[in-house]
Amino acid sequence: MKNKTVNISFKKDLLKKIDDIAKEESRSRSELVREAARIYIDRKERWKKIFSYGDILNRDKGLSEADVEKEIEAYRKEQ
């Protein structure tokens, strides 16, 4: 895969944190930002799958959003 260079701006305090962690882990700033982006994208994809699965279950059972909220509220009261 061919790499592309992008310019990105950070506030000084965030950049300092990025640099501190990169130094602590003996890696470059770019490596750290790439990994952070991969983790973020992976997490977004997993949440999409979870919500999609929930939508399918709701549709199959004929539940409305209000029904789901009532179930959550009832569950929380039991805890």
PDB file of N, CA and C in Angstrom:
ATOM      1  N   MET A   1       0.851  -1.170   0.000  1.00  0.00           N
ATOM      2  CA  MET A   1       0.000   0.000   0.000  1.00  0.00           C
ATOM      3  C   MET A   1       0.898   1.235   0.000  1.00  0.00           C
ATOM      4  N   LYS A   2       0.597   2.151  -0.905  1.00  0.00           N
ATOM      5  CA  LYS A   2       1.390   3.365  -1.023  1.00  0.00           C
ATOM      6  C   LYS A   2       0.939   4.383   0.023  1.00  0.00           C
ATOM      7  N   ASN A   3       1.903   4.970   0.707  1.00  0.00           N
ATOM      8  CA  ASN A   3       1.588   5.971   1.724  1.00  0.00           C
ATOM      9  C   ASN A   3       1.344   7.326   1.093  1.00  0.00           C
ATOM     10  N   LYS A   4       0.462   8.094   1.703  1.00  0.00           N
ATOM     11  CA  LYS A   4       0.195   9.478   1.322  1.00  0.00           C
ATOM     12  C   LYS A   4       0.554  10.348   2.521  1.00  0.00           C
ATOM     13  N   THR A   5       1.116  11.489   2.249  1.00  0.00           N
ATOM     14  CA  THR A   5       1.454  12.436   3.306  1.00  0.00           C
ATOM     15  C   THR A   5       0.327  13.447   3.433  1.00  0.00           C
ATOM     16  N   VAL A   6      -0.082  13.703   4.672  1.00  0.00           N
ATOM     17  CA  VAL A   6      -1.118  14.703   4.942  1.00  0.00           C
ATOM     18  C   VAL A   6      -0.599  15.677   5.983  1.00  0.00           C
ATOM     19  N   ASN A   7      -1.090  16.873   5.920  1.00  0.00           N
ATOM     20  CA  ASN A   7      -0.779  17.869   6.945  1.00  0.00           C
ATOM     21  C   ASN A   7      -1.965  17.955   7.884  1.00  0.00           C
ATOM     22  N   ILE A   8      -1.687  17.961   9.154  1.00  0.00           N
ATOM     23  CA  ILE A   8      -2.735  17.978  10.163  1.00  0.00           C
ATOM     24  C   ILE A   8      -2.269  18.878  11.292  1.00  0.00           C
ATOM     25  N   SER A   9      -3.182  19.651  11.849  1.00  0.00           N
ATOM     26  CA  SER A   9      -2.781  20.552  12.925  1.00  0.00           C
ATOM     27  C   SER A   9      -3.381  20.096  14.250  1.00  0.00           C
ATOM     28  N   PHE A  10      -2.595  20.268  15.296  1.00  0.00           N
ATOM     29  CA  PHE A  10      -3.002  19.935  16.654  1.00  0.00           C
ATOM     30  C   PHE A  10      -2.756  21.140  17.547  1.00  0.00           C
ATOM     31  N   LYS A  11      -3.528  21.267  18.585  1.00  0.00           N
ATOM     32  CA  LYS A  11      -3.219  22.269  19.603  1.00  0.00           C
ATOM     33  C   LYS A  11      -1.935  21.828  20.296  1.00  0.00           C
ATOM     34  N   LYS A  12      -1.189  22.793  20.799  1.00  0.00           N
ATOM     35  CA  LYS A  12       0.124  22.503  21.377  1.00  0.00           C
ATOM     36  C   LYS A  12       0.066  21.467  22.494  1.00  0.00           C
ATOM     37  N   ASP A  13      -0.941  21.567  23.364  1.00  0.00           N
ATOM     38  CA  ASP A  13      -1.002  20.631  24.483  1.00  0.00           C
ATOM     39  C   ASP A  13      -1.260  19.197  24.018  1.00  0.00           C
ATOM     40  N   LEU A  14      -2.106  19.023  22.998  1.00  0.00           N
ATOM     41  CA  LEU A  14      -2.356  17.684  22.475  1.00  0.00           C
ATOM     42  C   LEU A  14      -1.122  17.139  21.769  1.00  0.00           C
ATOM     43  N   LEU A  15      -0.451  17.977  21.000  1.00  0.00           N
ATOM     44  CA  LEU A  15       0.760  17.547  20.315  1.00  0.00           C
ATOM     45  C   LEU A  15       1.835  17.133  21.311  1.00  0.00           C
ATOM     46  N   LYS A  16       1.925  17.846  22.412  1.00  0.00           N
ATOM     47  CA  LYS A  16       2.896  17.486  23.458  1.00  0.00           C
ATOM     48  C   LYS A  16       2.586  16.105  24.015  1.00  0.00           C
ATOM     49  N   LYS A  17       1.317  15.830  24.264  1.00  0.00           N
ATOM     50  CA  LYS A  17       0.923  14.503  24.766  1.00  0.00           C
ATOM     51  C   LYS A  17       1.250  13.418  23.750  1.00  0.00           C
ATOM     52  N   ILE A  18       0.965  13.694  22.474  1.00  0.00           N
ATOM     53  CA  ILE A  18       1.282  12.735  21.420  1.00  0.00           C
ATOM     54  C   ILE A  18       2.782  12.461  21.395  1.00  0.00           C
ATOM     55  N   ASP A  19       3.561  13.528  21.416  1.00  0.00           N
ATOM     56  CA  ASP A  19       5.022  13.374  21.377  1.00  0.00           C
ATOM     57  C   ASP A  19       5.553  12.645  22.606  1.00  0.00           C
ATOM     58  N   ASP A  20       5.001  12.946  23.774  1.00  0.00           N
ATOM     59  CA  ASP A  20       5.443  12.270  25.002  1.00  0.00           C
ATOM     60  C   ASP A  20       5.181  10.765  24.932  1.00  0.00           C
ATOM     61  N   ILE A  21       4.005  10.396  24.469  1.00  0.00           N
ATOM     62  CA  ILE A  21       3.669   8.969  24.373  1.00  0.00           C
ATOM     63  C   ILE A  21       4.519   8.296  23.304  1.00  0.00           C
ATOM     64  N   ALA A  22       4.692   8.965  22.164  1.00  0.00           N
ATOM     65  CA  ALA A  22       5.526   8.400  21.096  1.00  0.00           C
ATOM     66  C   ALA A  22       6.947   8.155  21.606  1.00  0.00           C
ATOM     67  N   LYS A  23       7.489   9.105  22.323  1.00  0.00           N
ATOM     68  CA  LYS A  23       8.846   8.956  22.859  1.00  0.00           C
ATOM     69  C   LYS A  23       8.889   7.810  23.875  1.00  0.00           C
ATOM     70  N   GLU A  24       7.899   7.770  24.749  1.00  0.00           N
ATOM     71  CA  GLU A  24       7.820   6.715  25.773  1.00  0.00           C
ATOM     72  C   GLU A  24       7.775   5.332  25.135  1.00  0.00           C
ATOM     73  N   GLU A  25       7.107   5.226  23.989  1.00  0.00           N
ATOM     74  CA  GLU A  25       6.947   3.939  23.309  1.00  0.00           C
ATOM     75  C   GLU A  25       7.966   3.726  22.193  1.00  0.00           C
ATOM     76  N   SER A  26       8.920   4.614  22.093  1.00  0.00           N
ATOM     77  CA  SER A  26       9.990   4.523  21.080  1.00  0.00           C
ATOM     78  C   SER A  26       9.429   4.368  19.667  1.00  0.00           C
ATOM     79  N   ARG A  27       8.499   5.230  19.318  1.00  0.00           N
ATOM     80  CA  ARG A  27       7.933   5.216  17.977  1.00  0.00           C
ATOM     81  C   ARG A  27       7.783   6.643  17.484  1.00  0.00           C
ATOM     82  N   SER A  28       7.510   6.786  16.225  1.00  0.00           N
ATOM     83  CA  SER A  28       7.363   8.122  15.659  1.00  0.00           C
ATOM     84  C   SER A  28       5.958   8.664  15.927  1.00  0.00           C
ATOM     85  N   ARG A  29       5.855   9.958  15.804  1.00  0.00           N
ATOM     86  CA  ARG A  29       4.560  10.629  15.925  1.00  0.00           C
ATOM     87  C   ARG A  29       3.591  10.043  14.890  1.00  0.00           C
ATOM     88  N   SER A  30       4.061   9.843  13.667  1.00  0.00           N
ATOM     89  CA  SER A  30       3.202   9.304  12.604  1.00  0.00           C
ATOM     90  C   SER A  30       2.679   7.913  12.950  1.00  0.00           C
ATOM     91  N   GLU A  31       3.556   7.062  13.475  1.00  0.00           N
ATOM     92  CA  GLU A  31       3.124   5.707  13.858  1.00  0.00           C
ATOM     93  C   GLU A  31       2.030   5.767  14.912  1.00  0.00           C
ATOM     94  N   LEU A  32       2.187   6.647  15.887  1.00  0.00           N
ATOM     95  CA  LEU A  32       1.206   6.767  16.963  1.00  0.00           C
ATOM     96  C   LEU A  32      -0.139   7.258  16.419  1.00  0.00           C
ATOM     97  N   VAL A  33      -0.109   8.272  15.561  1.00  0.00           N
ATOM     98  CA  VAL A  33      -1.351   8.813  15.004  1.00  0.00           C
ATOM     99  C   VAL A  33      -2.024   7.791  14.092  1.00  0.00           C
ATOM    100  N   ARG A  34      -1.245   7.046  13.299  1.00  0.00           N
ATOM    101  CA  ARG A  34      -1.820   5.991  12.447  1.00  0.00           C
ATOM    102  C   ARG A  34      -2.532   4.941  13.293  1.00  0.00           C
ATOM    103  N   GLU A  35      -1.871   4.511  14.373  1.00  0.00           N
ATOM    104  CA  GLU A  35      -2.497   3.500  15.231  1.00  0.00           C
ATOM    105  C   GLU A  35      -3.766   4.042  15.873  1.00  0.00           C
ATOM    106  N   ALA A  36      -3.727   5.273  16.318  1.00  0.00           N
ATOM    107  CA  ALA A  36      -4.919   5.883  16.929  1.00  0.00           C
ATOM    108  C   ALA A  36      -6.066   5.924  15.924  1.00  0.00           C
ATOM    109  N   ALA A  37      -5.769   6.260  14.675  1.00  0.00           N
ATOM    110  CA  ALA A  37      -6.801   6.300  13.637  1.00  0.00           C
ATOM    111  C   ALA A  37      -7.359   4.903  13.384  1.00  0.00           C
ATOM    112  N   ARG A  38      -6.483   3.899  13.307  1.00  0.00           N
ATOM    113  CA  ARG A  38      -6.947   2.512  13.091  1.00  0.00           C
ATOM    114  C   ARG A  38      -7.848   2.054  14.228  1.00  0.00           C
ATOM    115  N   ILE A  39      -7.458   2.350  15.457  1.00  0.00           N
ATOM    116  CA  ILE A  39      -8.264   1.951  16.622  1.00  0.00           C
ATOM    117  C   ILE A  39      -9.624   2.641  16.584  1.00  0.00           C
ATOM    118  N   TYR A  40      -9.635   3.925  16.275  1.00  0.00           N
ATOM    119  CA  TYR A  40     -10.884   4.681  16.210  1.00  0.00           C
ATOM    120  C   TYR A  40     -11.810   4.094  15.142  1.00  0.00           C
ATOM    121  N   ILE A  41     -11.273   3.834  13.960  1.00  0.00           N
ATOM    122  CA  ILE A  41     -12.074   3.286  12.861  1.00  0.00           C
ATOM    123  C   ILE A  41     -12.611   1.903  13.217  1.00  0.00           C
ATOM    124  N   ASP A  42     -11.775   1.067  13.825  1.00  0.00           N
ATOM    125  CA  ASP A  42     -12.208  -0.267  14.242  1.00  0.00           C
ATOM    126  C   ASP A  42     -13.348  -0.176  15.252  1.00  0.00           C
ATOM    127  N   ARG A  43     -13.212   0.727  16.216  1.00  0.00           N
ATOM    128  CA  ARG A  43     -14.255   0.894  17.235  1.00  0.00           C
ATOM    129  C   ARG A  43     -15.560   1.366  16.594  1.00  0.00           C
ATOM    130  N   LYS A  44     -15.492   2.314  15.666  1.00  0.00           N
ATOM    131  CA  LYS A  44     -16.688   2.794  14.976  1.00  0.00           C
ATOM    132  C   LYS A  44     -17.372   1.657  14.225  1.00  0.00           C
ATOM    133  N   GLU A  45     -16.583   0.816  13.547  1.00  0.00           N
ATOM    134  CA  GLU A  45     -17.154  -0.304  12.788  1.00  0.00           C
ATOM    135  C   GLU A  45     -17.825  -1.314  13.713  1.00  0.00           C
ATOM    136  N   ARG A  46     -17.198  -1.585  14.859  1.00  0.00           N
ATOM    137  CA  ARG A  46     -17.811  -2.527  15.807  1.00  0.00           C
ATOM    138  C   ARG A  46     -19.128  -1.984  16.348  1.00  0.00           C
ATOM    139  N   TRP A  47     -19.179  -0.685  16.688  1.00  0.00           N
ATOM    140  CA  TRP A  47     -20.421  -0.093  17.189  1.00  0.00           C
ATOM    141  C   TRP A  47     -21.506  -0.106  16.113  1.00  0.00           C
ATOM    142  N   LYS A  48     -21.126   0.122  14.853  1.00  0.00           N
ATOM    143  CA  LYS A  48     -22.108   0.051  13.764  1.00  0.00           C
ATOM    144  C   LYS A  48     -22.726  -1.339  13.707  1.00  0.00           C
ATOM    145  N   LYS A  49     -21.884  -2.368  13.849  1.00  0.00           N
ATOM    146  CA  LYS A  49     -22.390  -3.745  13.820  1.00  0.00           C
ATOM    147  C   LYS A  49     -23.326  -4.009  14.988  1.00  0.00           C
ATOM    148  N   ILE A  50     -22.965  -3.523  16.160  1.00  0.00           N
ATOM    149  CA  ILE A  50     -23.804  -3.715  17.356  1.00  0.00           C
ATOM    150  C   ILE A  50     -25.160  -3.049  17.154  1.00  0.00           C
ATOM    151  N   PHE A  51     -25.161  -1.792  16.699  1.00  0.00           N
ATOM    152  CA  PHE A  51     -26.428  -1.094  16.490  1.00  0.00           C
ATOM    153  C   PHE A  51     -27.243  -1.731  15.373  1.00  0.00           C
ATOM    154  N   SER A  52     -26.580  -2.197  14.345  1.00  0.00           N
ATOM    155  CA  SER A  52     -27.281  -2.876  13.257  1.00  0.00           C
ATOM    156  C   SER A  52     -27.958  -4.142  13.767  1.00  0.00           C
ATOM    157  N   TYR A  53     -27.246  -4.897  14.588  1.00  0.00           N
ATOM    158  CA  TYR A  53     -27.818  -6.116  15.175  1.00  0.00           C
ATOM    159  C   TYR A  53     -29.026  -5.765  16.047  1.00  0.00           C
ATOM    160  N   GLY A  54     -28.897  -4.710  16.840  1.00  0.00           N
ATOM    161  CA  GLY A  54     -30.015  -4.268  17.675  1.00  0.00           C
ATOM    162  C   GLY A  54     -31.213  -3.850  16.838  1.00  0.00           C
ATOM    163  N   ASP A  55     -30.955  -3.154  15.731  1.00  0.00           N
ATOM    164  CA  ASP A  55     -32.046  -2.750  14.841  1.00  0.00           C
ATOM    165  C   ASP A  55     -32.771  -3.962  14.269  1.00  0.00           C
ATOM    166  N   ILE A  56     -32.004  -4.979  13.893  1.00  0.00           N
ATOM    167  CA  ILE A  56     -32.609  -6.206  13.350  1.00  0.00           C
ATOM    168  C   ILE A  56     -33.479  -6.880  14.414  1.00  0.00           C
ATOM    169  N   LEU A  57     -32.964  -6.983  15.632  1.00  0.00           N
ATOM    170  CA  LEU A  57     -33.748  -7.603  16.705  1.00  0.00           C
ATOM    171  C   LEU A  57     -35.019  -6.813  16.983  1.00  0.00           C
ATOM    172  N   ASN A  58     -34.889  -5.494  17.036  1.00  0.00           N
ATOM    173  CA  ASN A  58     -36.064  -4.654  17.285  1.00  0.00           C
ATOM    174  C   ASN A  58     -37.107  -4.827  16.197  1.00  0.00           C
ATOM    175  N   ARG A  59     -36.658  -4.852  14.947  1.00  0.00           N
ATOM    176  CA  ARG A  59     -37.585  -5.002  13.826  1.00  0.00           C
ATOM    177  C   ARG A  59     -38.263  -6.370  13.873  1.00  0.00           C
ATOM    178  N   ASP A  60     -37.489  -7.414  14.144  1.00  0.00           N
ATOM    179  CA  ASP A  60     -38.046  -8.766  14.186  1.00  0.00           C
ATOM    180  C   ASP A  60     -39.063  -8.923  15.307  1.00  0.00           C
ATOM    181  N   LYS A  61     -38.840  -8.240  16.410  1.00  0.00           N
ATOM    182  CA  LYS A  61     -39.742  -8.361  17.557  1.00  0.00           C
ATOM    183  C   LYS A  61     -40.823  -7.281  17.558  1.00  0.00           C
ATOM    184  N   GLY A  62     -40.746  -6.357  16.597  1.00  0.00           N
ATOM    185  CA  GLY A  62     -41.756  -5.304  16.511  1.00  0.00           C
ATOM    186  C   GLY A  62     -41.674  -4.293  17.627  1.00  0.00           C
ATOM    187  N   LEU A  63     -40.485  -4.057  18.150  1.00  0.00           N
ATOM    188  CA  LEU A  63     -40.320  -3.117  19.251  1.00  0.00           C
ATOM    189  C   LEU A  63     -40.136  -1.693  18.725  1.00  0.00           C
ATOM    190  N   SER A  64     -40.695  -0.743  19.456  1.00  0.00           N
ATOM    191  CA  SER A  64     -40.481   0.665  19.120  1.00  0.00           C
ATOM    192  C   SER A  64     -39.346   1.198  19.991  1.00  0.00           C
ATOM    193  N   GLU A  65     -38.893   2.395  19.680  1.00  0.00           N
ATOM    194  CA  GLU A  65     -37.852   3.019  20.501  1.00  0.00           C
ATOM    195  C   GLU A  65     -38.350   3.210  21.932  1.00  0.00           C
ATOM    196  N   ALA A  66     -39.623   3.557  22.088  1.00  0.00           N
ATOM    197  CA  ALA A  66     -40.205   3.729  23.422  1.00  0.00           C
ATOM    198  C   ALA A  66     -40.199   2.410  24.197  1.00  0.00           C
ATOM    199  N   ASP A  67     -40.467   1.299  23.501  1.00  0.00           N
ATOM    200  CA  ASP A  67     -40.438  -0.022  24.144  1.00  0.00           C
ATOM    201  C   ASP A  67     -39.035  -0.323  24.686  1.00  0.00           C
ATOM    202  N   VAL A  68     -38.043  -0.019  23.886  1.00  0.00           N
ATOM    203  CA  VAL A  68     -36.659  -0.274  24.286  1.00  0.00           C
ATOM    204  C   VAL A  68     -36.304   0.575  25.504  1.00  0.00           C
ATOM    205  N   GLU A  69     -36.697   1.843  25.485  1.00  0.00           N
ATOM    206  CA  GLU A  69     -36.417   2.735  26.622  1.00  0.00           C
ATOM    207  C   GLU A  69     -37.077   2.223  27.895  1.00  0.00           C
ATOM    208  N   LYS A  70     -38.305   1.727  27.783  1.00  0.00           N
ATOM    209  CA  LYS A  70     -39.003   1.171  28.951  1.00  0.00           C
ATOM    210  C   LYS A  70     -38.263  -0.048  29.498  1.00  0.00           C
ATOM    211  N   GLU A  71     -37.786  -0.912  28.599  1.00  0.00           N
ATOM    212  CA  GLU A  71     -37.043  -2.104  29.028  1.00  0.00           C
ATOM    213  C   GLU A  71     -35.745  -1.714  29.749  1.00  0.00           C
ATOM    214  N   ILE A  72     -35.054  -0.737  29.210  1.00  0.00           N
ATOM    215  CA  ILE A  72     -33.805  -0.276  29.842  1.00  0.00           C
ATOM    216  C   ILE A  72     -34.096   0.294  31.220  1.00  0.00           C
ATOM    217  N   GLU A  73     -35.129   1.105  31.316  1.00  0.00           N
ATOM    218  CA  GLU A  73     -35.501   1.694  32.604  1.00  0.00           C
ATOM    219  C   GLU A  73     -35.873   0.609  33.623  1.00  0.00           C
ATOM    220  N   ALA A  74     -36.639  -0.377  33.200  1.00  0.00           N
ATOM    221  CA  ALA A  74     -37.027  -1.473  34.091  1.00  0.00           C
ATOM    222  C   ALA A  74     -35.810  -2.256  34.555  1.00  0.00           C
ATOM    223  N   TYR A  75     -34.896  -2.534  33.632  1.00  0.00           N
ATOM    224  CA  TYR A  75     -33.674  -3.265  33.977  1.00  0.00           C
ATOM    225  C   TYR A  75     -32.856  -2.486  34.998  1.00  0.00           C
ATOM    226  N   ARG A  76     -32.717  -1.190  34.790  1.00  0.00           N
ATOM    227  CA  ARG A  76     -31.916  -0.364  35.711  1.00  0.00           C
ATOM    228  C   ARG A  76     -32.533  -0.324  37.100  1.00  0.00           C
ATOM    229  N   LYS A  77     -33.852  -0.332  37.178  1.00  0.00           N
ATOM    230  CA  LYS A  77     -34.519  -0.337  38.478  1.00  0.00           C
ATOM    231  C   LYS A  77     -34.259  -1.637  39.234  1.00  0.00           C
ATOM    232  N   GLU A  78     -34.124  -2.739  38.506  1.00  0.00           N
ATOM    233  CA  GLU A  78     -33.871  -4.034  39.125  1.00  0.00           C
ATOM    234  C   GLU A  78     -32.465  -4.106  39.722  1.00  0.00           C
ATOM    235  N   GLN A  79     -31.548  -3.355  39.149  1.00  0.00           N
ATOM    236  CA  GLN A  79     -30.154  -3.413  39.591  1.00  0.00           C
ATOM    237  C   GLN A  79     -29.957  -2.693  40.862  1.00  0.00           C
TER     238      GLN A  79
END
